[in-house]
Amino acid sequence: MADEIKNTEVAVETQETAATPEVDYKAEYEKLLAEQKKLKDATDKACNEAANFKKQLREKQTEQERLDAEKAEKDAEIQAELEKYRAESRINGYKTKLLECGYDLDTASAMAAELPEGISDDFFAKQKAFNETREKNIEAELLKKQPGLSKGASLSVADAEKAEMDKLRGYFGLK
């Protein structure tokens, strides 16, 4: 049986060597190295181009980002200035309305600076009406305490004589 296996092995070897032609491995190796070098060069070239494009993109993005940052900064300055002018306008409007309500300039300025935003004109109208009513009540109170005073109507001759007679009667105790 060992003889049969040896004969089979020899037959297989003979068939394999007879079927395959002689190959020049050194030439095939050099051919593969050349192809590998071409592929490596192409890959390096593509990587370099990609790196250059990426660098240019970064430079553009950096410039764009810088421009965006400058624009955002200018917008923030403009917004802050706008808010400042709106606050000044609101305070001046409140000050004007407080002056109309009868407050003096210093008090109106101080109050206007501390009033919150969003106070309606109705508030100032009610404040003005309250002050006018209060002034009338104070005037009426003072007039009640001093009955001899008039509201500014000039005295006629008869009224002047009567007031003088009342005054004399008061001195004599006849009243």
N, C-alpha and C. Protein backbone atom coordinates (compact mmCIF):
# COMPACT_ATOMS: atom_id res chain seq x y z
N MET A 1 0.79 -1.15 0.00
CA MET A 1 0.00 0.00 0.00
C MET A 1 0.86 1.25 0.00
N ALA A 2 1.94 1.18 0.62
CA ALA A 2 2.84 2.30 0.64
C ALA A 2 3.35 2.60 -0.76
N ASP A 3 3.47 1.54 -1.57
CA ASP A 3 3.93 1.75 -2.94
C ASP A 3 2.87 2.51 -3.74
N GLU A 4 1.63 2.23 -3.49
CA GLU A 4 0.55 2.91 -4.23
C GLU A 4 0.53 4.39 -3.89
N ILE A 5 0.72 4.74 -2.60
CA ILE A 5 0.70 6.14 -2.18
C ILE A 5 1.86 6.87 -2.83
N LYS A 6 3.04 6.23 -2.88
CA LYS A 6 4.20 6.89 -3.49
C LYS A 6 3.95 7.13 -4.98
N ASN A 7 3.38 6.18 -5.62
CA ASN A 7 3.11 6.33 -7.06
C ASN A 7 2.07 7.43 -7.29
N THR A 8 1.08 7.54 -6.43
CA THR A 8 0.05 8.56 -6.56
C THR A 8 0.66 9.94 -6.36
N GLU A 9 1.56 10.05 -5.39
CA GLU A 9 2.20 11.34 -5.12
C GLU A 9 3.04 11.77 -6.30
N VAL A 10 3.76 10.85 -6.87
CA VAL A 10 4.63 11.16 -8.00
C VAL A 10 3.76 11.56 -9.19
N ALA A 11 2.63 10.90 -9.34
CA ALA A 11 1.74 11.22 -10.46
C ALA A 11 1.15 12.62 -10.28
N VAL A 12 0.78 12.96 -9.08
CA VAL A 12 0.19 14.27 -8.81
C VAL A 12 1.24 15.34 -9.07
N GLU A 13 2.46 15.13 -8.61
CA GLU A 13 3.52 16.11 -8.82
C GLU A 13 3.79 16.29 -10.30
N THR A 14 3.79 15.26 -11.03
CA THR A 14 4.07 15.32 -12.45
C THR A 14 2.96 16.07 -13.16
N GLN A 15 1.74 15.84 -12.78
CA GLN A 15 0.62 16.54 -13.42
C GLN A 15 0.66 18.04 -13.11
N GLU A 16 0.99 18.42 -11.86
CA GLU A 16 1.04 19.83 -11.47
C GLU A 16 2.14 20.57 -12.21
N THR A 17 3.29 19.99 -12.26
CA THR A 17 4.40 20.66 -12.93
C THR A 17 4.21 20.71 -14.42
N ALA A 18 3.55 19.72 -14.96
CA ALA A 18 3.33 19.69 -16.39
C ALA A 18 2.26 20.70 -16.79
N ALA A 19 1.25 20.98 -15.94
CA ALA A 19 0.14 21.87 -16.26
C ALA A 19 0.55 23.32 -16.11
N THR A 20 1.41 23.67 -15.22
CA THR A 20 1.78 25.07 -15.00
C THR A 20 3.05 25.38 -15.75
N PRO A 21 3.03 26.49 -16.50
CA PRO A 21 4.24 26.87 -17.20
C PRO A 21 5.24 27.47 -16.22
N GLU A 22 6.41 27.68 -16.65
CA GLU A 22 7.46 28.25 -15.82
C GLU A 22 7.15 29.73 -15.61
N VAL A 23 7.11 30.23 -14.32
CA VAL A 23 6.76 31.61 -13.98
C VAL A 23 8.02 32.30 -13.52
N ASP A 24 8.20 33.57 -14.02
CA ASP A 24 9.34 34.38 -13.58
C ASP A 24 8.89 35.22 -12.40
N TYR A 25 9.18 34.71 -11.23
CA TYR A 25 8.71 35.37 -10.01
C TYR A 25 9.34 36.74 -9.79
N LYS A 26 10.59 36.87 -10.21
CA LYS A 26 11.27 38.14 -10.03
C LYS A 26 10.62 39.22 -10.89
N ALA A 27 10.24 38.92 -12.08
CA ALA A 27 9.60 39.88 -12.98
C ALA A 27 8.21 40.24 -12.47
N GLU A 28 7.49 39.24 -12.00
CA GLU A 28 6.15 39.49 -11.43
C GLU A 28 6.27 40.39 -10.20
N TYR A 29 7.28 40.14 -9.37
CA TYR A 29 7.48 40.93 -8.15
C TYR A 29 7.77 42.39 -8.51
N GLU A 30 8.64 42.59 -9.48
CA GLU A 30 8.98 43.95 -9.91
C GLU A 30 7.77 44.65 -10.53
N LYS A 31 6.98 43.90 -11.25
CA LYS A 31 5.77 44.45 -11.85
C LYS A 31 4.79 44.90 -10.76
N LEU A 32 4.63 44.06 -9.73
CA LEU A 32 3.75 44.42 -8.61
C LEU A 32 4.29 45.62 -7.83
N LEU A 33 5.62 45.68 -7.67
CA LEU A 33 6.23 46.84 -6.98
C LEU A 33 5.98 48.13 -7.76
N ALA A 34 6.09 48.08 -9.08
CA ALA A 34 5.86 49.26 -9.91
C ALA A 34 4.40 49.71 -9.81
N GLU A 35 3.49 48.73 -9.84
CA GLU A 35 2.06 49.07 -9.72
C GLU A 35 1.76 49.65 -8.34
N GLN A 36 2.40 49.06 -7.32
CA GLN A 36 2.21 49.57 -5.96
C GLN A 36 2.72 51.00 -5.86
N LYS A 37 3.89 51.26 -6.52
CA LYS A 37 4.46 52.62 -6.48
C LYS A 37 3.52 53.61 -7.16
N LYS A 38 2.93 53.20 -8.29
CA LYS A 38 1.98 54.08 -8.99
C LYS A 38 0.78 54.38 -8.10
N LEU A 39 0.26 53.34 -7.47
CA LEU A 39 -0.90 53.54 -6.58
C LEU A 39 -0.54 54.41 -5.38
N LYS A 40 0.68 54.20 -4.84
CA LYS A 40 1.11 55.01 -3.69
C LYS A 40 1.27 56.47 -4.10
N ASP A 41 1.86 56.69 -5.28
CA ASP A 41 2.01 58.07 -5.77
C ASP A 41 0.65 58.73 -5.99
N ALA A 42 -0.28 57.99 -6.58
CA ALA A 42 -1.62 58.53 -6.80
C ALA A 42 -2.31 58.84 -5.47
N THR A 43 -2.13 57.94 -4.50
CA THR A 43 -2.73 58.16 -3.17
C THR A 43 -2.09 59.37 -2.51
N ASP A 44 -0.77 59.49 -2.58
CA ASP A 44 -0.09 60.65 -1.99
C ASP A 44 -0.54 61.95 -2.65
N LYS A 45 -0.66 61.91 -3.98
CA LYS A 45 -1.11 63.10 -4.71
C LYS A 45 -2.52 63.49 -4.27
N ALA A 46 -3.42 62.49 -4.16
CA ALA A 46 -4.79 62.76 -3.73
C ALA A 46 -4.82 63.28 -2.30
N CYS A 47 -4.00 62.72 -1.44
CA CYS A 47 -3.94 63.19 -0.04
C CYS A 47 -3.42 64.62 0.04
N ASN A 48 -2.39 64.93 -0.77
CA ASN A 48 -1.85 66.30 -0.80
C ASN A 48 -2.89 67.30 -1.29
N GLU A 49 -3.60 66.91 -2.34
CA GLU A 49 -4.65 67.79 -2.86
C GLU A 49 -5.75 67.99 -1.81
N ALA A 50 -6.13 66.90 -1.16
CA ALA A 50 -7.16 67.01 -0.11
C ALA A 50 -6.67 67.89 1.03
N ALA A 51 -5.41 67.75 1.40
CA ALA A 51 -4.84 68.57 2.47
C ALA A 51 -4.83 70.04 2.07
N ASN A 52 -4.47 70.31 0.80
CA ASN A 52 -4.46 71.69 0.32
C ASN A 52 -5.87 72.29 0.33
N PHE A 53 -6.83 71.51 -0.16
CA PHE A 53 -8.21 71.98 -0.15
C PHE A 53 -8.70 72.22 1.28
N LYS A 54 -8.33 71.32 2.15
CA LYS A 54 -8.74 71.45 3.56
C LYS A 54 -8.11 72.70 4.18
N LYS A 55 -6.83 72.93 3.85
CA LYS A 55 -6.14 74.12 4.35
C LYS A 55 -6.81 75.40 3.84
N GLN A 56 -7.12 75.41 2.54
CA GLN A 56 -7.80 76.57 1.96
C GLN A 56 -9.18 76.76 2.61
N LEU A 57 -9.86 75.67 2.83
CA LEU A 57 -11.18 75.75 3.47
C LEU A 57 -11.06 76.31 4.87
N ARG A 58 -10.04 75.83 5.60
CA ARG A 58 -9.83 76.35 6.96
C ARG A 58 -9.53 77.85 6.93
N GLU A 59 -8.70 78.26 5.96
CA GLU A 59 -8.38 79.68 5.85
C GLU A 59 -9.63 80.48 5.54
N LYS A 60 -10.46 79.97 4.63
CA LYS A 60 -11.70 80.67 4.32
C LYS A 60 -12.64 80.67 5.52
N GLN A 61 -12.74 79.54 6.19
CA GLN A 61 -13.62 79.48 7.36
C GLN A 61 -13.11 80.41 8.43
N THR A 62 -11.85 80.47 8.63
CA THR A 62 -11.29 81.35 9.64
C THR A 62 -11.61 82.80 9.28
N GLU A 63 -11.45 83.15 8.03
CA GLU A 63 -11.79 84.50 7.58
C GLU A 63 -13.28 84.76 7.76
N GLN A 64 -14.08 83.77 7.36
CA GLN A 64 -15.54 83.91 7.49
C GLN A 64 -15.93 84.00 8.96
N GLU A 65 -15.31 83.15 9.77
CA GLU A 65 -15.61 83.19 11.21
C GLU A 65 -15.20 84.53 11.80
N ARG A 66 -14.05 85.06 11.35
CA ARG A 66 -13.60 86.36 11.84
C ARG A 66 -14.60 87.44 11.44
N LEU A 67 -15.06 87.39 10.20
CA LEU A 67 -16.05 88.36 9.73
C LEU A 67 -17.36 88.20 10.51
N ASP A 68 -17.75 86.96 10.76
CA ASP A 68 -18.97 86.72 11.54
C ASP A 68 -18.83 87.27 12.96
N ALA A 69 -17.65 87.07 13.55
CA ALA A 69 -17.42 87.57 14.91
C ALA A 69 -17.46 89.10 14.94
N GLU A 70 -16.84 89.73 13.94
CA GLU A 70 -16.87 91.20 13.87
C GLU A 70 -18.29 91.70 13.70
N LYS A 71 -19.05 91.03 12.84
CA LYS A 71 -20.43 91.43 12.61
C LYS A 71 -21.25 91.27 13.89
N ALA A 72 -21.05 90.16 14.58
CA ALA A 72 -21.77 89.93 15.84
C ALA A 72 -21.41 90.98 16.88
N GLU A 73 -20.14 91.37 16.92
CA GLU A 73 -19.69 92.39 17.87
C GLU A 73 -20.33 93.74 17.54
N LYS A 74 -20.35 94.10 16.26
CA LYS A 74 -20.98 95.36 15.85
C LYS A 74 -22.47 95.34 16.15
N ASP A 75 -23.10 94.20 15.88
CA ASP A 75 -24.53 94.08 16.18
C ASP A 75 -24.80 94.24 17.67
N ALA A 76 -23.93 93.67 18.50
CA ALA A 76 -24.08 93.80 19.95
C ALA A 76 -23.92 95.26 20.38
N GLU A 77 -22.96 95.96 19.80
CA GLU A 77 -22.77 97.39 20.12
C GLU A 77 -23.99 98.20 19.71
N ILE A 78 -24.49 97.93 18.52
CA ILE A 78 -25.67 98.65 18.02
C ILE A 78 -26.87 98.37 18.92
N GLN A 79 -27.03 97.11 19.31
CA GLN A 79 -28.15 96.73 20.18
C GLN A 79 -28.04 97.43 21.54
N ALA A 80 -26.82 97.48 22.10
CA ALA A 80 -26.62 98.15 23.39
C ALA A 80 -26.93 99.64 23.28
N GLU A 81 -26.48 100.26 22.18
CA GLU A 81 -26.74 101.68 21.97
C GLU A 81 -28.24 101.93 21.79
N LEU A 82 -28.90 101.05 21.06
CA LEU A 82 -30.35 101.16 20.86
C LEU A 82 -31.08 101.05 22.18
N GLU A 83 -30.69 100.10 23.02
CA GLU A 83 -31.32 99.94 24.34
C GLU A 83 -31.09 101.19 25.19
N LYS A 84 -29.89 101.76 25.10
CA LYS A 84 -29.57 102.98 25.85
C LYS A 84 -30.49 104.13 25.41
N TYR A 85 -30.65 104.29 24.09
CA TYR A 85 -31.49 105.37 23.59
C TYR A 85 -32.96 105.13 23.91
N ARG A 86 -33.38 103.89 23.88
CA ARG A 86 -34.76 103.58 24.25
C ARG A 86 -35.01 103.92 25.72
N ALA A 87 -34.05 103.59 26.58
CA ALA A 87 -34.20 103.90 28.01
C ALA A 87 -34.24 105.42 28.22
N GLU A 88 -33.36 106.14 27.53
CA GLU A 88 -33.35 107.61 27.66
C GLU A 88 -34.67 108.20 27.17
N SER A 89 -35.17 107.68 26.07
CA SER A 89 -36.44 108.16 25.52
C SER A 89 -37.59 107.89 26.50
N ARG A 90 -37.59 106.69 27.08
CA ARG A 90 -38.63 106.33 28.04
C ARG A 90 -38.56 107.25 29.26
N ILE A 91 -37.36 107.47 29.76
CA ILE A 91 -37.19 108.34 30.94
C ILE A 91 -37.61 109.76 30.63
N ASN A 92 -37.24 110.27 29.45
CA ASN A 92 -37.64 111.63 29.08
C ASN A 92 -39.15 111.75 28.93
N GLY A 93 -39.77 110.73 28.37
CA GLY A 93 -41.23 110.74 28.26
C GLY A 93 -41.90 110.74 29.62
N TYR A 94 -41.39 109.90 30.52
CA TYR A 94 -41.94 109.87 31.88
C TYR A 94 -41.72 111.20 32.59
N LYS A 95 -40.54 111.79 32.39
CA LYS A 95 -40.25 113.07 33.04
C LYS A 95 -41.21 114.15 32.56
N THR A 96 -41.47 114.18 31.26
CA THR A 96 -42.41 115.16 30.71
C THR A 96 -43.80 114.99 31.30
N LYS A 97 -44.25 113.75 31.40
CA LYS A 97 -45.58 113.48 31.94
C LYS A 97 -45.65 113.81 33.43
N LEU A 98 -44.56 113.57 34.16
CA LEU A 98 -44.55 113.92 35.58
C LEU A 98 -44.55 115.44 35.77
N LEU A 99 -43.87 116.16 34.88
CA LEU A 99 -43.90 117.62 34.95
C LEU A 99 -45.31 118.13 34.69
N GLU A 100 -46.02 117.47 33.76
CA GLU A 100 -47.41 117.85 33.48
C GLU A 100 -48.30 117.57 34.69
N CYS A 101 -47.92 116.59 35.49
CA CYS A 101 -48.70 116.26 36.69
C CYS A 101 -48.44 117.23 37.83
N GLY A 102 -47.45 118.10 37.68
CA GLY A 102 -47.21 119.11 38.70
C GLY A 102 -45.94 118.90 39.50
N TYR A 103 -45.14 117.93 39.19
CA TYR A 103 -43.89 117.72 39.91
C TYR A 103 -42.85 118.72 39.45
N ASP A 104 -41.92 119.07 40.36
CA ASP A 104 -40.83 119.96 39.95
C ASP A 104 -39.81 119.16 39.15
N LEU A 105 -38.89 119.83 38.47
CA LEU A 105 -37.96 119.20 37.54
C LEU A 105 -37.07 118.15 38.21
N ASP A 106 -36.52 118.48 39.37
CA ASP A 106 -35.62 117.54 40.05
C ASP A 106 -36.37 116.27 40.47
N THR A 107 -37.54 116.44 41.06
CA THR A 107 -38.33 115.29 41.50
C THR A 107 -38.78 114.46 40.30
N ALA A 108 -39.22 115.13 39.24
CA ALA A 108 -39.66 114.43 38.04
C ALA A 108 -38.51 113.63 37.43
N SER A 109 -37.32 114.21 37.38
CA SER A 109 -36.16 113.50 36.83
C SER A 109 -35.81 112.28 37.67
N ALA A 110 -35.80 112.44 38.98
CA ALA A 110 -35.46 111.33 39.86
C ALA A 110 -36.51 110.21 39.78
N MET A 111 -37.77 110.59 39.75
CA MET A 111 -38.84 109.58 39.68
C MET A 111 -38.85 108.88 38.33
N ALA A 112 -38.65 109.62 37.25
CA ALA A 112 -38.70 109.04 35.91
C ALA A 112 -37.61 107.98 35.73
N ALA A 113 -36.43 108.22 36.33
CA ALA A 113 -35.33 107.27 36.20
C ALA A 113 -35.64 105.95 36.91
N GLU A 114 -36.49 106.01 37.94
CA GLU A 114 -36.77 104.80 38.73
C GLU A 114 -38.08 104.12 38.37
N LEU A 115 -38.87 104.74 37.52
CA LEU A 115 -40.13 104.09 37.12
C LEU A 115 -39.84 102.94 36.17
N PRO A 116 -40.56 101.85 36.33
CA PRO A 116 -40.32 100.69 35.44
C PRO A 116 -40.86 100.95 34.04
N GLU A 117 -40.38 100.15 33.11
CA GLU A 117 -40.81 100.27 31.72
C GLU A 117 -42.23 99.75 31.58
N GLY A 118 -43.01 100.38 30.69
CA GLY A 118 -44.34 99.88 30.38
C GLY A 118 -45.47 100.58 31.12
N ILE A 119 -45.19 101.70 31.78
CA ILE A 119 -46.26 102.43 32.45
C ILE A 119 -47.08 103.15 31.38
N SER A 120 -48.38 102.99 31.47
CA SER A 120 -49.24 103.54 30.43
C SER A 120 -49.55 105.01 30.68
N ASP A 121 -50.07 105.66 29.64
CA ASP A 121 -50.48 107.06 29.76
C ASP A 121 -51.65 107.19 30.73
N ASP A 122 -52.42 106.15 30.89
CA ASP A 122 -53.55 106.15 31.81
C ASP A 122 -53.07 106.41 33.25
N PHE A 123 -51.92 105.84 33.60
CA PHE A 123 -51.36 106.06 34.93
C PHE A 123 -51.10 107.54 35.17
N PHE A 124 -50.48 108.20 34.20
CA PHE A 124 -50.16 109.61 34.35
C PHE A 124 -51.42 110.48 34.34
N ALA A 125 -52.42 110.10 33.56
CA ALA A 125 -53.68 110.84 33.55
C ALA A 125 -54.36 110.74 34.92
N LYS A 126 -54.34 109.54 35.50
CA LYS A 126 -54.94 109.37 36.83
C LYS A 126 -54.16 110.13 37.88
N GLN A 127 -52.83 110.15 37.75
CA GLN A 127 -51.99 110.88 38.70
C GLN A 127 -52.29 112.38 38.61
N LYS A 128 -52.43 112.88 37.39
CA LYS A 128 -52.72 114.30 37.19
C LYS A 128 -54.10 114.66 37.76
N ALA A 129 -55.09 113.81 37.49
CA ALA A 129 -56.44 114.05 38.02
C ALA A 129 -56.42 114.02 39.55
N PHE A 130 -55.66 113.07 40.13
CA PHE A 130 -55.56 113.00 41.58
C PHE A 130 -54.96 114.28 42.15
N ASN A 131 -53.88 114.76 41.52
CA ASN A 131 -53.23 115.98 42.01
C ASN A 131 -54.16 117.18 41.91
N GLU A 132 -54.90 117.29 40.81
CA GLU A 132 -55.83 118.41 40.65
C GLU A 132 -56.94 118.35 41.69
N THR A 133 -57.47 117.17 41.93
CA THR A 133 -58.52 117.00 42.95
C THR A 133 -57.97 117.34 44.33
N ARG A 134 -56.75 116.91 44.59
CA ARG A 134 -56.13 117.18 45.89
C ARG A 134 -55.93 118.69 46.08
N GLU A 135 -55.46 119.37 45.03
CA GLU A 135 -55.27 120.82 45.13
C GLU A 135 -56.60 121.54 45.39
N LYS A 136 -57.65 121.10 44.70
CA LYS A 136 -58.97 121.71 44.91
C LYS A 136 -59.45 121.47 46.34
N ASN A 137 -59.24 120.26 46.86
CA ASN A 137 -59.65 119.96 48.23
C ASN A 137 -58.88 120.80 49.24
N ILE A 138 -57.60 120.97 49.01
CA ILE A 138 -56.78 121.79 49.92
C ILE A 138 -57.24 123.24 49.86
N GLU A 139 -57.52 123.73 48.67
CA GLU A 139 -57.99 125.11 48.51
C GLU A 139 -59.34 125.30 49.20
N ALA A 140 -60.22 124.33 49.05
CA ALA A 140 -61.53 124.41 49.70
C ALA A 140 -61.37 124.40 51.21
N GLU A 141 -60.49 123.57 51.72
CA GLU A 141 -60.23 123.51 53.16
C GLU A 141 -59.73 124.85 53.67
N LEU A 142 -58.81 125.47 52.95
CA LEU A 142 -58.27 126.76 53.37
C LEU A 142 -59.34 127.85 53.31
N LEU A 143 -60.20 127.78 52.30
CA LEU A 143 -61.26 128.78 52.21
C LEU A 143 -62.26 128.64 53.36
N LYS A 144 -62.51 127.42 53.80
CA LYS A 144 -63.44 127.21 54.91
C LYS A 144 -62.86 127.77 56.20
N LYS A 145 -61.56 127.69 56.35
CA LYS A 145 -60.92 128.18 57.57
C LYS A 145 -60.85 129.70 57.59
N GLN A 146 -60.89 130.35 56.43
CA GLN A 146 -60.82 131.80 56.36
C GLN A 146 -62.04 132.31 55.59
N PRO A 147 -63.15 132.47 56.25
CA PRO A 147 -64.38 132.83 55.56
C PRO A 147 -64.37 134.23 54.95
N GLY A 148 -63.52 135.12 55.39
CA GLY A 148 -63.51 136.47 54.86
C GLY A 148 -62.87 136.56 53.48
N LEU A 149 -62.22 135.52 53.05
CA LEU A 149 -61.57 135.57 51.74
C LEU A 149 -62.54 135.16 50.65
N SER A 150 -62.35 135.72 49.49
CA SER A 150 -63.15 135.32 48.35
C SER A 150 -62.26 134.56 47.38
N LYS A 151 -62.87 134.05 46.36
CA LYS A 151 -62.10 133.28 45.39
C LYS A 151 -61.49 134.18 44.33
N GLY A 152 -61.37 135.42 44.59
CA GLY A 152 -60.73 136.30 43.65
C GLY A 152 -61.69 137.29 43.01
N ALA A 153 -62.98 137.23 43.34
CA ALA A 153 -63.92 138.20 42.78
C ALA A 153 -63.67 139.53 43.47
N SER A 154 -63.70 140.62 42.72
CA SER A 154 -63.45 141.93 43.33
C SER A 154 -64.67 142.35 44.16
N LEU A 155 -64.40 143.05 45.26
CA LEU A 155 -65.48 143.48 46.16
C LEU A 155 -66.16 144.72 45.58
N SER A 156 -67.43 144.68 45.65
CA SER A 156 -68.15 145.88 45.23
C SER A 156 -68.10 146.88 46.38
N VAL A 157 -68.57 148.11 46.14
CA VAL A 157 -68.54 149.15 47.17
C VAL A 157 -69.43 148.75 48.33
N ALA A 158 -70.58 148.19 48.04
CA ALA A 158 -71.50 147.80 49.10
C ALA A 158 -70.89 146.67 49.93
N ASP A 159 -70.26 145.72 49.27
CA ASP A 159 -69.63 144.62 50.00
C ASP A 159 -68.49 145.13 50.87
N ALA A 160 -67.73 146.11 50.38
CA ALA A 160 -66.63 146.67 51.17
C ALA A 160 -67.16 147.38 52.40
N GLU A 161 -68.25 148.16 52.27
CA GLU A 161 -68.84 148.86 53.42
C GLU A 161 -69.38 147.86 54.44
N LYS A 162 -70.05 146.80 53.93
CA LYS A 162 -70.61 145.79 54.83
C LYS A 162 -69.49 145.08 55.59
N ALA A 163 -68.38 144.75 54.90
CA ALA A 163 -67.26 144.08 55.55
C ALA A 163 -66.66 144.99 56.61
N GLU A 164 -66.60 146.30 56.35
CA GLU A 164 -66.05 147.25 57.32
C GLU A 164 -66.96 147.38 58.54
N MET A 165 -68.28 147.40 58.31
CA MET A 165 -69.25 147.47 59.42
C MET A 165 -69.17 146.20 60.28
N ASP A 166 -69.04 145.04 59.61
CA ASP A 166 -68.91 143.79 60.36
C ASP A 166 -67.65 143.79 61.20
N LYS A 167 -66.63 144.37 60.69
CA LYS A 167 -65.36 144.44 61.41
C LYS A 167 -65.50 145.33 62.64
N LEU A 168 -66.15 146.48 62.49
CA LEU A 168 -66.36 147.39 63.63
C LEU A 168 -67.25 146.76 64.68
N ARG A 169 -68.30 146.08 64.27
CA ARG A 169 -69.20 145.42 65.21
C ARG A 169 -68.43 144.34 65.97
N GLY A 170 -67.49 143.69 65.26
CA GLY A 170 -66.68 142.68 65.94
C GLY A 170 -65.83 143.30 67.03
N TYR A 171 -65.30 144.52 66.83
CA TYR A 171 -64.49 145.19 67.82
C TYR A 171 -65.33 145.58 69.05
N PHE A 172 -66.54 145.98 68.79
CA PHE A 172 -67.41 146.42 69.90
C PHE A 172 -68.11 145.25 70.56
N GLY A 173 -68.00 144.09 69.96
CA GLY A 173 -68.65 142.91 70.55
C GLY A 173 -70.13 142.83 70.24
N LEU A 174 -70.57 143.44 69.18
CA LEU A 174 -71.99 143.45 68.85
C LEU A 174 -72.35 142.35 67.85
N LYS A 175 -71.54 141.62 67.52
CA LYS A 175 -71.80 140.61 66.51
C LYS A 175 -72.44 139.39 67.01
